[in-house]
C-alpha atoms as a PDB file:
ATOM      1  CA  MET A   1     -16.777   5.028  10.599  1.00  0.00           C
ATOM      2  CA  LEU A   2     -15.895   7.664  13.342  1.00  0.00           C
ATOM      3  CA  GLY A   3     -12.942   5.715  14.383  1.00  0.00           C
ATOM      4  CA  SER A   4     -11.611   5.658  10.644  1.00  0.00           C
ATOM      5  CA  ARG A   5     -12.336   9.119  10.136  1.00  0.00           C
ATOM      6  CA  MET A   6     -10.239  10.059  13.134  1.00  0.00           C
ATOM      7  CA  ASN A   7      -7.531   7.587  11.925  1.00  0.00           C
ATOM      8  CA  GLY A   8      -7.384   9.458   8.641  1.00  0.00           C
ATOM      9  CA  ILE A   9      -7.126  12.853  10.238  1.00  0.00           C
ATOM     10  CA  LEU A  10      -4.480  11.721  12.465  1.00  0.00           C
ATOM     11  CA  VAL A  11      -2.300  10.600   9.384  1.00  0.00           C
ATOM     12  CA  VAL A  12      -3.118  13.976   7.705  1.00  0.00           C
ATOM     13  CA  ILE A  13      -1.909  15.691  10.660  1.00  0.00           C
ATOM     14  CA  LEU A  14       1.361  13.906  10.628  1.00  0.00           C
ATOM     15  CA  ALA A  15       1.416  15.057   7.034  1.00  0.00           C
ATOM     16  CA  GLY A  16       1.104  18.565   7.815  1.00  0.00           C
ATOM     17  CA  PHE A  17       3.921  18.530  10.181  1.00  0.00           C
ATOM     18  CA  SER A  18       6.120  17.135   7.127  1.00  0.00           C
ATOM     19  CA  ASN A  19       4.804  19.366   4.860  1.00  0.00           C
ATOM     20  CA  GLY A  20       5.362  22.534   7.067  1.00  0.00           C
ATOM     21  CA  SER A  21       8.890  21.517   7.770  1.00  0.00           C
ATOM     22  CA  PHE A  22      10.150  20.759   4.231  1.00  0.00           C
ATOM     23  CA  PRO A  23      11.858  24.070   3.523  1.00  0.00           C
ATOM     24  CA  ALA A  24      13.672  24.087   7.100  1.00  0.00           C
ATOM     25  CA  PRO A  25      16.807  22.127   5.725  1.00  0.00           C
ATOM     26  CA  SER A  26      17.385  24.916   3.313  1.00  0.00           C
ATOM     27  CA  LYS A  27      17.586  27.753   5.987  1.00  0.00           C
ATOM     28  CA  GLY A  28      21.042  29.245   6.228  1.00  0.00           C
ATOM     29  CA  VAL A  29      22.405  27.728   3.188  1.00  0.00           C
ATOM     30  CA  THR A  30      24.760  30.315   1.590  1.00  0.00           C
ATOM     31  CA  LYS A  31      26.982  28.373  -0.537  1.00  0.00           C
ATOM     32  CA  TRP A  32      24.113  27.246  -3.149  1.00  0.00           C
ATOM     33  CA  LYS A  33      21.754  29.711  -4.854  1.00  0.00           C
ATOM     34  CA  TRP A  34      18.066  29.124  -4.777  1.00  0.00           C
ATOM     35  CA  GLU A  35      18.306  27.430  -8.234  1.00  0.00           C
ATOM     36  CA  HIS A  36      20.884  24.920  -6.970  1.00  0.00           C
ATOM     37  CA  ILE A  37      18.790  23.820  -4.106  1.00  0.00           C
ATOM     38  CA  TRP A  38      15.424  23.816  -5.806  1.00  0.00           C
ATOM     39  CA  LEU A  39      16.811  21.644  -8.730  1.00  0.00           C
ATOM     40  CA  VAL A  40      18.072  18.789  -6.153  1.00  0.00           C
ATOM     41  CA  TYR A  41      14.894  19.190  -4.097  1.00  0.00           C
ATOM     42  CA  SER A  42      12.618  18.708  -7.193  1.00  0.00           C
ATOM     43  CA  PHE A  43      14.458  16.002  -8.592  1.00  0.00           C
ATOM     44  CA  SER A  44      14.125  13.890  -5.567  1.00  0.00           C
ATOM     45  CA  ALA A  45      10.618  14.827  -4.605  1.00  0.00           C
ATOM     46  CA  MET A  46       9.098  14.621  -8.025  1.00  0.00           C
ATOM     47  CA  ALA A  47      11.091  12.131  -9.757  1.00  0.00           C
ATOM     48  CA  LEU A  48      13.437  10.019  -7.806  1.00  0.00           C
ATOM     49  CA  LEU A  49      11.031   8.931  -4.926  1.00  0.00           C
ATOM     50  CA  PRO A  50       7.605   8.678  -6.517  1.00  0.00           C
ATOM     51  CA  ILE A  51       8.803   6.651  -9.663  1.00  0.00           C
ATOM     52  CA  GLY A  52      11.362   4.446  -7.552  1.00  0.00           C
ATOM     53  CA  LEU A  53       8.498   3.492  -5.276  1.00  0.00           C
ATOM     54  CA  ALA A  54       6.275   2.865  -8.164  1.00  0.00           C
ATOM     55  CA  LEU A  55       8.919   0.550  -9.886  1.00  0.00           C
ATOM     56  CA  LEU A  56      10.383  -1.089  -6.928  1.00  0.00           C
ATOM     57  CA  PHE A  57       7.512  -1.665  -4.370  1.00  0.00           C
ATOM     58  CA  THR A  58       4.123  -2.008  -6.321  1.00  0.00           C
ATOM     59  CA  HIS A  59       4.398  -5.182  -8.149  1.00  0.00           C
ATOM     60  CA  GLY A  60       4.166  -3.431 -11.394  1.00  0.00           C
ATOM     61  CA  THR A  61       0.426  -2.548 -10.736  1.00  0.00           C
ATOM     62  CA  ILE A  62       1.011   1.352 -10.786  1.00  0.00           C
ATOM     63  CA  VAL A  63       2.685   1.015 -14.248  1.00  0.00           C
ATOM     64  CA  ARG A  64       0.051  -1.087 -15.727  1.00  0.00           C
ATOM     65  CA  GLN A  65      -2.726   0.950 -14.224  1.00  0.00           C
ATOM     66  CA  LEU A  66      -1.344   4.336 -15.730  1.00  0.00           C
ATOM     67  CA  ALA A  67      -0.778   2.841 -19.086  1.00  0.00           C
ATOM     68  CA  GLY A  68      -4.090   1.136 -18.930  1.00  0.00           C
ATOM     69  CA  ASP A  69      -5.895   4.513 -18.428  1.00  0.00           C
ATOM     70  CA  ALA A  70      -3.602   6.816 -20.399  1.00  0.00           C
ATOM     71  CA  SER A  71      -6.402   9.416 -21.133  1.00  0.00           C
ATOM     72  CA  LEU A  72      -7.001   9.813 -17.330  1.00  0.00           C
ATOM     73  CA  THR A  73      -3.296   9.810 -16.767  1.00  0.00           C
ATOM     74  CA  GLY A  74      -2.653  12.746 -19.304  1.00  0.00           C
ATOM     75  CA  LYS A  75      -5.555  14.855 -17.719  1.00  0.00           C
ATOM     76  CA  VAL A  76      -4.075  14.454 -14.485  1.00  0.00           C
ATOM     77  CA  ALA A  77      -0.698  15.288 -15.489  1.00  0.00           C
ATOM     78  CA  VAL A  78      -2.074  18.420 -16.885  1.00  0.00           C
ATOM     79  CA  PHE A  79      -3.114  19.563 -13.421  1.00  0.00           C
ATOM     80  CA  GLY A  80       0.381  18.479 -12.197  1.00  0.00           C
ATOM     81  CA  ALA A  81       1.854  20.723 -14.842  1.00  0.00           C
ATOM     82  CA  LEU A  82      -0.515  23.789 -13.537  1.00  0.00           C
ATOM     83  CA  TRP A  83       0.606  22.846  -9.950  1.00  0.00           C
ATOM     84  CA  GLY A  84       4.367  22.992 -11.216  1.00  0.00           C
ATOM     85  CA  ILE A  85       3.951  26.528 -11.923  1.00  0.00           C
ATOM     86  CA  GLY A  86       2.832  27.293  -8.730  1.00  0.00           C
ATOM     87  CA  SER A  87       5.346  25.317  -6.861  1.00  0.00           C
ATOM     88  CA  LEU A  88       8.167  27.187  -8.769  1.00  0.00           C
ATOM     89  CA  LEU A  89       6.411  30.482  -7.775  1.00  0.00           C
ATOM     90  CA  PHE A  90       6.155  29.210  -4.130  1.00  0.00           C
ATOM     91  CA  GLY A  91      10.150  28.565  -4.110  1.00  0.00           C
ATOM     92  CA  LEU A  92      10.584  31.990  -5.456  1.00  0.00           C
ATOM     93  CA  SER A  93       8.351  33.680  -2.859  1.00  0.00           C
ATOM     94  CA  LEU A  94      10.261  31.694  -0.004  1.00  0.00           C
ATOM     95  CA  ALA A  95      13.257  33.919  -0.528  1.00  0.00           C
ATOM     96  CA  ARG A  96      11.256  37.046  -0.628  1.00  0.00           C
ATOM     97  CA  LEU A  97       8.884  36.627   2.300  1.00  0.00           C
ATOM     98  CA  GLY A  98      10.403  34.042   4.331  1.00  0.00           C
ATOM     99  CA  MET A  99       9.023  30.576   5.495  1.00  0.00           C
ATOM    100  CA  ALA A 100       6.250  31.679   8.085  1.00  0.00           C
ATOM    101  CA  ILE A 101       4.724  34.382   5.521  1.00  0.00           C
ATOM    102  CA  THR A 102       4.975  32.312   2.706  1.00  0.00           C
ATOM    103  CA  ASN A 103       3.503  29.179   4.065  1.00  0.00           C
ATOM    104  CA  ALA A 104       0.766  31.216   5.568  1.00  0.00           C
ATOM    105  CA  LEU A 105      -0.224  33.267   2.631  1.00  0.00           C
ATOM    106  CA  VAL A 106       0.414  30.610  -0.012  1.00  0.00           C
ATOM    107  CA  ASN A 107      -1.301  27.753   1.908  1.00  0.00           C
ATOM    108  CA  GLY A 108      -4.312  30.095   2.876  1.00  0.00           C
ATOM    109  CA  ILE A 109      -4.886  30.397  -0.734  1.00  0.00           C
ATOM    110  CA  VAL A 110      -4.214  26.725  -1.399  1.00  0.00           C
ATOM    111  CA  ALA A 111      -6.768  25.794   1.091  1.00  0.00           C
ATOM    112  CA  PHE A 112      -9.424  28.100  -0.352  1.00  0.00           C
ATOM    113  CA  CYS A 113      -8.834  26.839  -3.995  1.00  0.00           C
ATOM    114  CA  GLY A 114      -7.924  23.387  -3.019  1.00  0.00           C
ATOM    115  CA  SER A 115     -11.019  22.772  -0.913  1.00  0.00           C
ATOM    116  CA  LEU A 116     -13.523  24.102  -3.077  1.00  0.00           C
ATOM    117  CA  GLY A 117     -11.967  22.746  -6.330  1.00  0.00           C
ATOM    118  CA  PRO A 118     -12.894  18.932  -5.902  1.00  0.00           C
ATOM    119  CA  ILE A 119     -16.296  20.218  -5.280  1.00  0.00           C
ATOM    120  CA  LEU A 120     -16.583  22.321  -8.461  1.00  0.00           C
ATOM    121  CA  ILE A 121     -15.305  19.557 -10.822  1.00  0.00           C
ATOM    122  CA  GLY A 122     -17.842  17.007  -9.171  1.00  0.00           C
ATOM    123  CA  ALA A 123     -15.496  14.735  -7.523  1.00  0.00           C
ATOM    124  CA  VAL A 124     -16.822  15.331  -4.020  1.00  0.00           C
ATOM    125  CA  HIS A 125     -20.592  16.042  -3.270  1.00  0.00           C
ATOM    126  CA  VAL A 126     -21.659  18.393  -0.547  1.00  0.00           C
ATOM    127  CA  GLY A 127     -24.909  18.796   1.323  1.00  0.00           C
ATOM    128  CA  ARG A 128     -26.409  22.428   1.421  1.00  0.00           C
ATOM    129  CA  GLY A 129     -25.857  22.685   5.367  1.00  0.00           C
ATOM    130  CA  SER A 130     -22.165  21.532   4.948  1.00  0.00           C
ATOM    131  CA  LEU A 131     -21.718  23.875   1.905  1.00  0.00           C
ATOM    132  CA  LEU A 132     -22.720  26.832   4.128  1.00  0.00           C
ATOM    133  CA  TRP A 133     -20.268  26.037   6.817  1.00  0.00           C
ATOM    134  CA  LEU A 134     -17.772  25.691   4.107  1.00  0.00           C
ATOM    135  CA  MET A 135     -18.489  29.135   2.591  1.00  0.00           C
ATOM    136  CA  GLY A 136     -18.433  30.758   6.246  1.00  0.00           C
ATOM    137  CA  GLY A 137     -14.978  29.103   6.658  1.00  0.00           C
ATOM    138  CA  LEU A 138     -13.936  30.433   3.345  1.00  0.00           C
ATOM    139  CA  SER A 139     -15.060  34.259   4.087  1.00  0.00           C
ATOM    140  CA  LEU A 140     -12.893  34.096   7.187  1.00  0.00           C
ATOM    141  CA  LEU A 141     -10.143  32.893   5.230  1.00  0.00           C
ATOM    142  CA  ALA A 142     -10.211  35.841   2.854  1.00  0.00           C
ATOM    143  CA  LEU A 143      -9.856  38.046   5.993  1.00  0.00           C
ATOM    144  CA  SER A 144      -7.017  36.259   7.157  1.00  0.00           C
ATOM    145  CA  LEU A 145      -5.187  36.631   3.910  1.00  0.00           C
ATOM    146  CA  VAL A 146      -5.608  40.447   4.184  1.00  0.00           C
ATOM    147  CA  LEU A 147      -4.059  40.319   7.506  1.00  0.00           C
ATOM    148  CA  CYS A 148      -1.196  38.219   6.322  1.00  0.00           C
ATOM    149  CA  ALA A 149      -0.524  40.696   3.727  1.00  0.00           C
ATOM    150  CA  ALA A 150      -0.343  43.503   6.124  1.00  0.00           C
ATOM    151  CA  ALA A 151       1.893  41.658   8.300  1.00  0.00           C
ATOM    152  CA  SER A 152       4.435  40.936   5.484  1.00  0.00           C
ATOM    153  CA  ILE A 153       4.327  44.757   4.414  1.00  0.00           C
ATOM    154  CA  THR A 154       4.803  45.773   8.040  1.00  0.00           C
ATOM    155  CA  ARG A 155       7.652  43.521   8.765  1.00  0.00           C
ATOM    156  CA  ASP A 156       9.501  44.438   5.528  1.00  0.00           C
ATOM    157  CA  ARG A 157       9.156  48.242   6.349  1.00  0.00           C
ATOM    158  CA  ALA A 158      10.302  47.640  10.057  1.00  0.00           C
ATOM    159  CA  GLN A 159      13.374  45.405   9.002  1.00  0.00           C
ATOM    160  CA  GLY A 160      14.377  47.569   5.819  1.00  0.00           C
ATOM    161  CA  ASN A 161      14.455  44.655   3.467  1.00  0.00           C
ATOM    162  CA  THR A 162      15.496  45.909   0.079  1.00  0.00           C
ATOM    163  CA  GLY A 163      16.605  42.653  -1.661  1.00  0.00           C
ATOM    164  CA  LEU A 164      14.906  43.750  -4.931  1.00  0.00           C
ATOM    165  CA  LYS A 165      16.318  47.125  -4.933  1.00  0.00           C
ATOM    166  CA  MET A 166      12.668  48.658  -4.166  1.00  0.00           C
ATOM    167  CA  ARG A 167      11.002  50.361  -1.738  1.00  0.00           C
ATOM    168  CA  PRO A 168      10.084  47.978   1.015  1.00  0.00           C
ATOM    169  CA  GLY A 169       6.355  48.330   0.539  1.00  0.00           C
ATOM    170  CA  SER A 170       6.858  47.752  -3.194  1.00  0.00           C
ATOM    171  CA  GLN A 171       9.119  44.866  -2.610  1.00  0.00           C
ATOM    172  CA  SER A 172       6.253  43.474  -0.442  1.00  0.00           C
ATOM    173  CA  ILE A 173       3.593  43.806  -2.952  1.00  0.00           C
ATOM    174  CA  VAL A 174       5.480  42.345  -5.925  1.00  0.00           C
ATOM    175  CA  ALA A 175       6.486  39.254  -3.456  1.00  0.00           C
ATOM    176  CA  ILE A 176       2.677  38.919  -2.337  1.00  0.00           C
ATOM    177  CA  PHE A 177       1.587  38.957  -5.859  1.00  0.00           C
ATOM    178  CA  ILE A 178       3.932  35.944  -6.596  1.00  0.00           C
ATOM    179  CA  ALA A 179       2.758  34.267  -3.421  1.00  0.00           C
ATOM    180  CA  VAL A 180      -0.884  34.678  -4.472  1.00  0.00           C
ATOM    181  CA  MET A 181      -0.207  33.263  -7.866  1.00  0.00           C
ATOM    182  CA  ALA A 182       1.843  30.481  -6.416  1.00  0.00           C
ATOM    183  CA  GLY A 183      -1.290  29.708  -4.118  1.00  0.00           C
ATOM    184  CA  ILE A 184      -3.753  29.496  -6.779  1.00  0.00           C
ATOM    185  CA  MET A 185      -1.611  27.318  -9.024  1.00  0.00           C
ATOM    186  CA  SER A 186      -0.529  25.061  -6.152  1.00  0.00           C
ATOM    187  CA  ALA A 187      -4.136  24.122  -5.382  1.00  0.00           C
ATOM    188  CA  MET A 188      -4.160  22.267  -8.502  1.00  0.00           C
ATOM    189  CA  ILE A 189      -2.369  19.355  -6.849  1.00  0.00           C
ATOM    190  CA  ASN A 190      -5.208  18.604  -4.846  1.00  0.00           C
ATOM    191  CA  ILE A 191      -7.743  18.919  -7.611  1.00  0.00           C
ATOM    192  CA  GLY A 192      -5.661  16.639  -9.571  1.00  0.00           C
ATOM    193  CA  PHE A 193      -5.589  14.235  -6.574  1.00  0.00           C
ATOM    194  CA  ALA A 194      -9.128  14.099  -6.453  1.00  0.00           C
ATOM    195  CA  TYR A 195      -9.735  13.931 -10.283  1.00  0.00           C
ATOM    196  CA  GLY A 196      -7.130  11.033 -10.440  1.00  0.00           C
ATOM    197  CA  ALA A 197      -8.910   8.977  -7.633  1.00  0.00           C
ATOM    198  CA  PRO A 198      -9.838   6.191 -10.085  1.00  0.00           C
ATOM    199  CA  LEU A 199      -6.165   5.659 -10.766  1.00  0.00           C
ATOM    200  CA  ALA A 200      -5.571   4.803  -7.069  1.00  0.00           C
ATOM    201  CA  THR A 201      -8.724   2.743  -6.973  1.00  0.00           C
ATOM    202  CA  GLY A 202      -7.508   0.754  -9.922  1.00  0.00           C
ATOM    203  CA  ALA A 203      -4.073   0.170  -8.480  1.00  0.00           C
ATOM    204  CA  ARG A 204      -5.471  -1.103  -5.082  1.00  0.00           C
ATOM    205  CA  ALA A 205      -7.929  -3.426  -6.985  1.00  0.00           C
ATOM    206  CA  ALA A 206      -4.842  -4.710  -8.811  1.00  0.00           C
ATOM    207  CA  GLY A 207      -2.923  -5.743  -5.751  1.00  0.00           C
ATOM    208  CA  CYS A 208      -1.011  -2.406  -5.167  1.00  0.00           C
ATOM    209  CA  PRO A 209      -0.224  -1.970  -1.396  1.00  0.00           C
ATOM    210  CA  VAL A 210      -2.892   0.194   0.302  1.00  0.00           C
ATOM    211  CA  PHE A 211      -0.076   2.583   1.448  1.00  0.00           C
ATOM    212  CA  LEU A 212       1.237   3.103  -1.990  1.00  0.00           C
ATOM    213  CA  ALA A 213      -1.862   3.163  -3.968  1.00  0.00           C
ATOM    214  CA  SER A 214      -1.983   7.132  -4.056  1.00  0.00           C
ATOM    215  CA  VAL A 215       1.335   7.070  -5.907  1.00  0.00           C
ATOM    216  CA  ALA A 216      -0.663   6.185  -9.009  1.00  0.00           C
ATOM    217  CA  ILE A 217      -1.979   9.598  -8.852  1.00  0.00           C
ATOM    218  CA  TRP A 218       1.171  11.343  -7.748  1.00  0.00           C
ATOM    219  CA  VAL A 219       3.504   9.827 -10.477  1.00  0.00           C
ATOM    220  CA  PRO A 220       1.524  11.765 -13.119  1.00  0.00           C
ATOM    221  CA  VAL A 221       0.820  14.898 -11.110  1.00  0.00           C
ATOM    222  CA  LEU A 222       4.602  15.320 -10.183  1.00  0.00           C
ATOM    223  CA  LEU A 223       5.930  14.311 -13.700  1.00  0.00           C
ATOM    224  CA  GLY A 224       3.557  17.130 -15.140  1.00  0.00           C
ATOM    225  CA  GLY A 225       4.828  19.661 -12.419  1.00  0.00           C
ATOM    226  CA  ILE A 226       8.594  18.819 -12.992  1.00  0.00           C
ATOM    227  CA  VAL A 227       8.830  20.399 -16.133  1.00  0.00           C
ATOM    228  CA  PHE A 228       8.757  23.720 -14.551  1.00  0.00           C
ATOM    229  CA  ASN A 229      10.271  22.813 -11.245  1.00  0.00           C
ATOM    230  CA  MET A 230      13.455  21.536 -12.643  1.00  0.00           C
ATOM    231  CA  GLY A 231      13.352  23.617 -15.925  1.00  0.00           C
ATOM    232  CA  TYR A 232      13.523  26.958 -14.638  1.00  0.00           C
ATOM    233  CA  PRO A 233      16.395  26.103 -11.991  1.00  0.00           C
ATOM    234  CA  LEU A 234      18.271  24.590 -15.081  1.00  0.00           C
ATOM    235  CA  TYR A 235      17.843  27.602 -17.203  1.00  0.00           C
ATOM    236  CA  LEU A 236      19.373  29.620 -14.258  1.00  0.00           C
ATOM    237  CA  ILE A 237      22.140  27.556 -13.671  1.00  0.00           C
ATOM    238  CA  HIS A 238      23.000  27.606 -17.417  1.00  0.00           C
ATOM    239  CA  ARG A 239      22.757  31.073 -17.692  1.00  0.00           C
ATOM    240  CA  SER A 240      25.048  31.843 -14.780  1.00  0.00           C
ATOM    241  CA  GLY A 241      27.348  28.968 -15.689  1.00  0.00           C
ATOM    242  CA  SER A 242      27.196  27.851 -12.148  1.00  0.00           C
ATOM    243  CA  TRP A 243      27.237  23.857 -12.791  1.00  0.00           C
ATOM    244  CA  SER A 244      30.446  23.407 -10.865  1.00  0.00           C
ATOM    245  CA  THR A 245      28.798  24.714  -7.796  1.00  0.00           C
ATOM    246  CA  LEU A 246      26.782  21.512  -7.556  1.00  0.00           C
ATOM    247  CA  PHE A 247      29.856  19.365  -7.473  1.00  0.00           C
ATOM    248  CA  ARG A 248      32.551  21.299  -6.023  1.00  0.00           C
ATOM    249  CA  GLY A 249      33.228  22.804  -2.603  1.00  0.00           C
ATOM    250  CA  ARG A 250      34.028  21.335   0.791  1.00  0.00           C
ATOM    251  CA  ASN A 251      30.467  21.538   2.017  1.00  0.00           C
ATOM    252  CA  THR A 252      28.947  20.150  -1.283  1.00  0.00           C
ATOM    253  CA  PRO A 253      27.975  16.700  -0.053  1.00  0.00           C
ATOM    254  CA  ILE A 254      26.184  18.260   3.008  1.00  0.00           C
ATOM    255  CA  LEU A 255      24.317  20.435   0.607  1.00  0.00           C
ATOM    256  CA  TRP A 256      23.036  17.683  -1.316  1.00  0.00           C
ATOM    257  CA  VAL A 257      21.861  15.836   1.646  1.00  0.00           C
ATOM    258  CA  ARG A 258      19.959  18.981   3.045  1.00  0.00           C
ATOM    259  CA  SER A 259      18.330  19.362  -0.341  1.00  0.00           C
ATOM    260  CA  LEU A 260      17.439  15.825  -0.841  1.00  0.00           C
ATOM    261  CA  CYS A 261      15.954  16.024   2.766  1.00  0.00           C
ATOM    262  CA  MET A 262      13.571  18.623   1.660  1.00  0.00           C
ATOM    263  CA  GLY A 263      12.214  16.096  -1.220  1.00  0.00           C
ATOM    264  CA  VAL A 264      11.855  13.344   1.386  1.00  0.00           C
ATOM    265  CA  LEU A 265       9.837  15.846   3.859  1.00  0.00           C
ATOM    266  CA  TRP A 266       7.640  16.955   0.855  1.00  0.00           C
ATOM    267  CA  PHE A 267       6.882  13.815  -0.932  1.00  0.00           C
ATOM    268  CA  GLY A 268       6.458  12.028   2.576  1.00  0.00           C
ATOM    269  CA  ALA A 269       3.783  14.676   3.348  1.00  0.00           C
ATOM    270  CA  ILE A 270       1.859  14.086   0.206  1.00  0.00           C
ATOM    271  CA  LEU A 271       2.049  10.296   0.334  1.00  0.00           C
ATOM    272  CA  LEU A 272       0.925  10.508   3.926  1.00  0.00           C
ATOM    273  CA  TYR A 273      -2.008  12.786   2.916  1.00  0.00           C
ATOM    274  CA  GLY A 274      -2.892  10.158   0.266  1.00  0.00           C
ATOM    275  CA  VAL A 275      -3.275   7.605   2.889  1.00  0.00           C
ATOM    276  CA  GLY A 276      -5.183   9.737   5.368  1.00  0.00           C
ATOM    277  CA  ALA A 277      -7.332  10.977   2.668  1.00  0.00           C
ATOM    278  CA  ALA A 278      -8.183   7.610   1.481  1.00  0.00           C
ATOM    279  CA  ILE A 279      -9.157   6.618   5.026  1.00  0.00           C
ATOM    280  CA  MET A 280     -11.519   9.314   5.416  1.00  0.00           C
ATOM    281  CA  GLY A 281     -13.365   8.608   2.294  1.00  0.00           C
ATOM    282  CA  SER A 282     -14.773  11.001  -0.198  1.00  0.00           C
ATOM    283  CA  GLU A 283     -14.613  13.888   2.045  1.00  0.00           C
ATOM    284  CA  GLY A 284     -10.577  13.397   2.395  1.00  0.00           C
ATOM    285  CA  ALA A 285      -9.928  15.700  -0.532  1.00  0.00           C
ATOM    286  CA  VAL A 286     -11.654  18.559   1.163  1.00  0.00           C
ATOM    287  CA  THR A 287     -11.640  17.973   4.995  1.00  0.00           C
ATOM    288  CA  GLY A 288      -8.371  16.324   4.949  1.00  0.00           C
ATOM    289  CA  TRP A 289      -6.839  18.899   2.720  1.00  0.00           C
ATOM    290  CA  ALA A 290      -8.136  21.623   5.287  1.00  0.00           C
ATOM    291  CA  VAL A 291      -6.355  19.670   7.898  1.00  0.00           C
ATOM    292  CA  ILE A 292      -2.863  19.346   6.299  1.00  0.00           C
ATOM    293  CA  ILE A 293      -2.789  22.960   5.574  1.00  0.00           C
ATOM    294  CA  THR A 294      -3.697  24.144   9.016  1.00  0.00           C
ATOM    295  CA  VAL A 295      -0.991  21.664  10.765  1.00  0.00           C
ATOM    296  CA  SER A 296       1.456  22.892   7.886  1.00  0.00           C
ATOM    297  CA  ILE A 297       0.966  26.785   8.574  1.00  0.00           C
ATOM    298  CA  LEU A 298       1.350  26.039  12.487  1.00  0.00           C
ATOM    299  CA  THR A 299       4.471  24.162  11.915  1.00  0.00           C
ATOM    300  CA  SER A 300       5.970  26.588   9.437  1.00  0.00           C
ATOM    301  CA  ASN A 301       5.179  29.560  11.803  1.00  0.00           C
ATOM    302  CA  ALA A 302       6.946  27.476  14.432  1.00  0.00           C
ATOM    303  CA  TRP A 303       9.884  27.256  12.238  1.00  0.00           C
ATOM    304  CA  GLY A 304       9.759  30.781  11.416  1.00  0.00           C
ATOM    305  CA  ALA A 305       9.897  31.844  15.073  1.00  0.00           C
ATOM    306  CA  VAL A 306      12.865  29.506  15.743  1.00  0.00           C
ATOM    307  CA  THR A 307      14.973  30.775  12.941  1.00  0.00           C
ATOM    308  CA  GLY A 308      14.678  34.334  13.627  1.00  0.00           C
ATOM    309  CA  GLU A 309      12.476  35.615  10.502  1.00  0.00           C
ATOM    310  CA  TRP A 310      10.617  38.050  12.965  1.00  0.00           C
ATOM    311  CA  LYS A 311      13.542  39.404  14.625  1.00  0.00           C
ATOM    312  CA  ASP A 312      13.831  43.193  14.990  1.00  0.00           C
ATOM    313  CA  SER A 313      10.332  43.464  13.132  1.00  0.00           C
ATOM    314  CA  GLY A 314       8.353  45.017  16.158  1.00  0.00           C
ATOM    315  CA  ALA A 315       5.195  43.911  17.886  1.00  0.00           C
ATOM    316  CA  LYS A 316       2.858  44.986  15.169  1.00  0.00           C
ATOM    317  CA  PRO A 317       3.636  42.511  12.189  1.00  0.00           C
ATOM    318  CA  ILE A 318       3.893  39.717  14.780  1.00  0.00           C
ATOM    319  CA  ILE A 319       0.269  40.633  16.069  1.00  0.00           C
ATOM    320  CA  LEU A 320      -0.970  40.903  12.607  1.00  0.00           C
ATOM    321  CA  MET A 321       0.460  37.622  11.556  1.00  0.00           C
ATOM    322  CA  TRP A 322      -0.932  35.727  14.639  1.00  0.00           C
ATOM    323  CA  LEU A 323      -4.539  37.393  14.222  1.00  0.00           C
ATOM    324  CA  SER A 324      -4.045  36.038  10.604  1.00  0.00           C
ATOM    325  CA  THR A 325      -2.982  32.632  11.614  1.00  0.00           C
ATOM    326  CA  SER A 326      -5.961  32.435  14.149  1.00  0.00           C
ATOM    327  CA  LEU A 327      -8.449  33.382  11.632  1.00  0.00           C
ATOM    328  CA  LEU A 328      -7.090  30.850   9.108  1.00  0.00           C
ATOM    329  CA  ILE A 329      -7.236  28.242  11.997  1.00  0.00           C
ATOM    330  CA  THR A 330     -10.916  29.326  12.660  1.00  0.00           C
ATOM    331  CA  SER A 331     -11.875  29.201   8.940  1.00  0.00           C
ATOM    332  CA  LEU A 332     -10.432  25.500   8.602  1.00  0.00           C
ATOM    333  CA  ILE A 333     -12.136  24.287  11.643  1.00  0.00           C
ATOM    334  CA  LEU A 334     -15.383  25.725  10.348  1.00  0.00           C
ATOM    335  CA  MET A 335     -14.839  23.778   6.980  1.00  0.00           C
ATOM    336  CA  ALA A 336     -14.083  20.623   8.840  1.00  0.00           C
ATOM    337  CA  ALA A 337     -16.858  20.918  11.396  1.00  0.00           C
ATOM    338  CA  HIS A 338     -19.347  18.758   9.818  1.00  0.00           C
ATOM    339  CA  PRO A 339     -18.631  15.560   7.684  1.00  0.00           C
ATOM    340  CA  LEU A 340     -19.647  16.142   4.040  1.00  0.00           C
ATOM    341  CA  SER A 341     -22.860  14.617   2.795  1.00  0.00           C
ATOM    342  CA  LYS A 342     -24.689  14.436  -0.416  1.00  0.00           C
END
């Protein structure tokens, strides 16, 4: 049992590396605007990959499972639509706060709501002792979010960012609000995952490969979310009349590849998370979720440092950010300290 749990955690750790790295291919892109990158990324991550895997490699088991339990499929898709709003807001906040801050702030809230959500809907049962540890971790998490917001505001003031034509402090407050809403809504993907567990169970029983069983959940979740993730970029491109940007230009093939790589990294992360969480059993949707968020934040912080997001910001915001990250990691360790029990 312990060996299986550790194997599951290792798979989820790998998922965290992939999730924390998925925005990296977009760094330094200037020929395309945000909407062009997000459109191609969303298409690959939320339609091409999950639907392609479901149709080509699961022997039709996922299609039959989703059609046979249309009611549950529809409910899971609703969670996906809510997550889609959060994913869209996450993309917008990336441009305002940068990779390190956005991932720390959004993923902190996602960890809070995503870990608690499956318990609230009854998908995971927690013993009283484990619940106390969980709530202790969530309390530390709240403090880490305060420090994260302070780091963002201090950094913006030091760097003099005025991309929204506001005073740096006001810009940070607006961007932080967007990120907070992104975190709350983005947590719905894990709640939808926990709620849709019977779809994966049914797919496995019908002969679907174990590695791909979670695709039975991801297909309706992602199709629910793609409305917003592709809809808003399509609107922006149509409004600006910049369709030609997607298909013309010397570096266009490279930009397509970079955006598609974002989709591969992101979908690969949630596919691995589904596998790892299944190996861990019923606690995977809580403990596994905490692990993937922790590793994702550490990975994104490393990318932020490598790509110079904290250059010329001074020592104070960096110290605040690392204090925030340390508290976040501590909180997640507390939440994962004990296997959940009824």
